[in-house]
C-alpha atoms as a PDB file:
ATOM      1  CA  MET A   1      97.970 -51.361  20.201  1.00  0.00           C
ATOM      2  CA  SER A   2      96.040 -52.813  23.075  1.00  0.00           C
ATOM      3  CA  ARG A   3      92.556 -51.521  23.679  1.00  0.00           C
ATOM      4  CA  LYS A   4      91.043 -51.155  27.110  1.00  0.00           C
ATOM      5  CA  ILE A   5      87.415 -51.978  27.721  1.00  0.00           C
ATOM      6  CA  LEU A   6      85.445 -50.863  30.751  1.00  0.00           C
ATOM      7  CA  VAL A   7      83.547 -53.838  32.101  1.00  0.00           C
ATOM      8  CA  THR A   8      80.822 -53.482  34.667  1.00  0.00           C
ATOM      9  CA  GLU A   9      80.205 -56.122  37.294  1.00  0.00           C
ATOM     10  CA  SER A  10      76.897 -57.095  35.699  1.00  0.00           C
ATOM     11  CA  GLY A  11      78.551 -57.313  32.293  1.00  0.00           C
ATOM     12  CA  LEU A  12      81.203 -59.644  33.657  1.00  0.00           C
ATOM     13  CA  MET A  13      78.556 -61.776  35.346  1.00  0.00           C
ATOM     14  CA  ASN A  14      76.664 -62.034  32.046  1.00  0.00           C
ATOM     15  CA  PHE A  15      79.889 -63.110  30.356  1.00  0.00           C
ATOM     16  CA  PHE A  16      80.408 -65.873  32.940  1.00  0.00           C
ATOM     17  CA  LYS A  17      76.773 -66.933  32.610  1.00  0.00           C
ATOM     18  CA  SER A  18      77.035 -67.210  28.843  1.00  0.00           C
ATOM     19  CA  PHE A  19      80.246 -69.228  29.184  1.00  0.00           C
ATOM     20  CA  PHE A  20      78.744 -71.680  31.673  1.00  0.00           C
ATOM     21  CA  LYS A  21      75.541 -71.962  29.653  1.00  0.00           C
ATOM     22  CA  ALA A  22      77.609 -72.854  26.600  1.00  0.00           C
ATOM     23  CA  LYS A  23      79.493 -75.437  28.680  1.00  0.00           C
ATOM     24  CA  ALA A  24      76.234 -76.880  29.990  1.00  0.00           C
ATOM     25  CA  ASP A  25      74.963 -77.167  26.413  1.00  0.00           C
ATOM     26  CA  ASN A  26      78.303 -78.720  25.389  1.00  0.00           C
ATOM     27  CA  LYS A  27      78.948 -75.804  23.020  1.00  0.00           C
ATOM     28  CA  GLU A  28      81.936 -74.161  24.681  1.00  0.00           C
ATOM     29  CA  SER A  29      84.141 -74.681  21.607  1.00  0.00           C
ATOM     30  CA  GLU A  30      81.630 -72.769  19.470  1.00  0.00           C
ATOM     31  CA  TRP A  31      81.461 -70.049  22.133  1.00  0.00           C
ATOM     32  CA  LEU A  32      85.246 -69.776  22.169  1.00  0.00           C
ATOM     33  CA  GLN A  33      85.413 -69.666  18.357  1.00  0.00           C
ATOM     34  CA  LYS A  34      82.952 -66.756  18.256  1.00  0.00           C
ATOM     35  CA  LEU A  35      84.987 -64.972  20.909  1.00  0.00           C
ATOM     36  CA  ARG A  36      88.213 -65.752  19.024  1.00  0.00           C
ATOM     37  CA  ARG A  37      86.876 -63.955  15.931  1.00  0.00           C
ATOM     38  CA  VAL A  38      86.250 -60.834  18.010  1.00  0.00           C
ATOM     39  CA  ASP A  39      89.250 -60.944  20.354  1.00  0.00           C
ATOM     40  CA  PRO A  40      91.788 -63.787  20.034  1.00  0.00           C
ATOM     41  CA  LYS A  41      93.677 -62.830  23.202  1.00  0.00           C
ATOM     42  CA  LEU A  42      90.524 -62.854  25.295  1.00  0.00           C
ATOM     43  CA  ALA A  43      89.575 -66.224  23.801  1.00  0.00           C
ATOM     44  CA  ASP A  44      92.970 -67.566  24.888  1.00  0.00           C
ATOM     45  CA  VAL A  45      92.335 -66.306  28.424  1.00  0.00           C
ATOM     46  CA  TRP A  46      88.939 -68.035  28.553  1.00  0.00           C
ATOM     47  CA  SER A  47      90.372 -71.219  27.100  1.00  0.00           C
ATOM     48  CA  ASP A  48      93.029 -71.228  29.830  1.00  0.00           C
ATOM     49  CA  TYR A  49      90.336 -70.534  32.434  1.00  0.00           C
ATOM     50  CA  ASP A  50      88.314 -73.483  31.128  1.00  0.00           C
ATOM     51  CA  LYS A  51      91.305 -75.818  31.399  1.00  0.00           C
ATOM     52  CA  SER A  52      92.253 -74.518  34.851  1.00  0.00           C
ATOM     53  CA  LEU A  53      88.687 -74.876  36.117  1.00  0.00           C
ATOM     54  CA  SER A  54      88.442 -78.462  34.873  1.00  0.00           C
ATOM     55  CA  ASN A  55      91.795 -79.360  36.406  1.00  0.00           C
ATOM     56  CA  SER A  56      90.897 -77.722  39.717  1.00  0.00           C
ATOM     57  CA  MET A  57      87.617 -79.617  39.956  1.00  0.00           C
ATOM     58  CA  ARG A  58      89.381 -82.939  39.245  1.00  0.00           C
ATOM     59  CA  VAL A  59      92.022 -82.232  41.898  1.00  0.00           C
ATOM     60  CA  GLN A  60      89.411 -81.223  44.492  1.00  0.00           C
ATOM     61  CA  LYS A  61      87.306 -84.298  43.816  1.00  0.00           C
ATOM     62  CA  ALA A  62      90.314 -86.627  44.013  1.00  0.00           C
ATOM     63  CA  ALA A  63      91.429 -85.063  47.296  1.00  0.00           C
ATOM     64  CA  MET A  64      87.967 -85.337  48.826  1.00  0.00           C
ATOM     65  CA  ASP A  65      87.559 -88.933  47.640  1.00  0.00           C
ATOM     66  CA  LYS A  66      90.972 -89.827  49.062  1.00  0.00           C
ATOM     67  CA  LEU A  67      89.922 -88.435  52.438  1.00  0.00           C
ATOM     68  CA  GLY A  68      86.588 -90.238  52.257  1.00  0.00           C
ATOM     69  CA  LEU A  69      84.620 -86.996  52.136  1.00  0.00           C
ATOM     70  CA  ASP A  70      81.393 -86.452  50.238  1.00  0.00           C
ATOM     71  CA  SER A  71      82.181 -85.000  46.812  1.00  0.00           C
ATOM     72  CA  SER A  72      78.670 -85.167  45.381  1.00  0.00           C
ATOM     73  CA  HIS A  73      78.446 -81.361  45.170  1.00  0.00           C
ATOM     74  CA  ILE A  74      81.464 -81.399  42.853  1.00  0.00           C
ATOM     75  CA  ASP A  75      79.842 -84.145  40.767  1.00  0.00           C
ATOM     76  CA  ASN A  76      76.641 -82.080  40.530  1.00  0.00           C
ATOM     77  CA  PHE A  77      78.559 -78.941  39.524  1.00  0.00           C
ATOM     78  CA  THR A  78      80.586 -80.726  36.864  1.00  0.00           C
ATOM     79  CA  LYS A  79      77.483 -82.370  35.399  1.00  0.00           C
ATOM     80  CA  LYS A  80      75.460 -79.151  35.460  1.00  0.00           C
ATOM     81  CA  TYR A  81      78.128 -77.130  33.672  1.00  0.00           C
ATOM     82  CA  GLY A  82      79.676 -79.829  31.517  1.00  0.00           C
ATOM     83  CA  ILE A  83      83.096 -79.607  33.112  1.00  0.00           C
ATOM     84  CA  LYS A  84      85.353 -82.375  31.897  1.00  0.00           C
END
């Protein structure tokens, strides 16, 4: 049976912060493994989010580079948060 959890806005923000901190420290796989032990379905959602985020950043950077636009803010973001 599925369980519902009430999540406050601040709780969700803390979750995102912990995820991006783990990415910045290059420990997102450990973070996901801990989450997987608690809630495998939620870990799958975050894993998909991680892949989608990385793909989106690559696509945006490629599009901006193709148009000759400055993409340094994307470079800074990907370096800061360890996005591959």
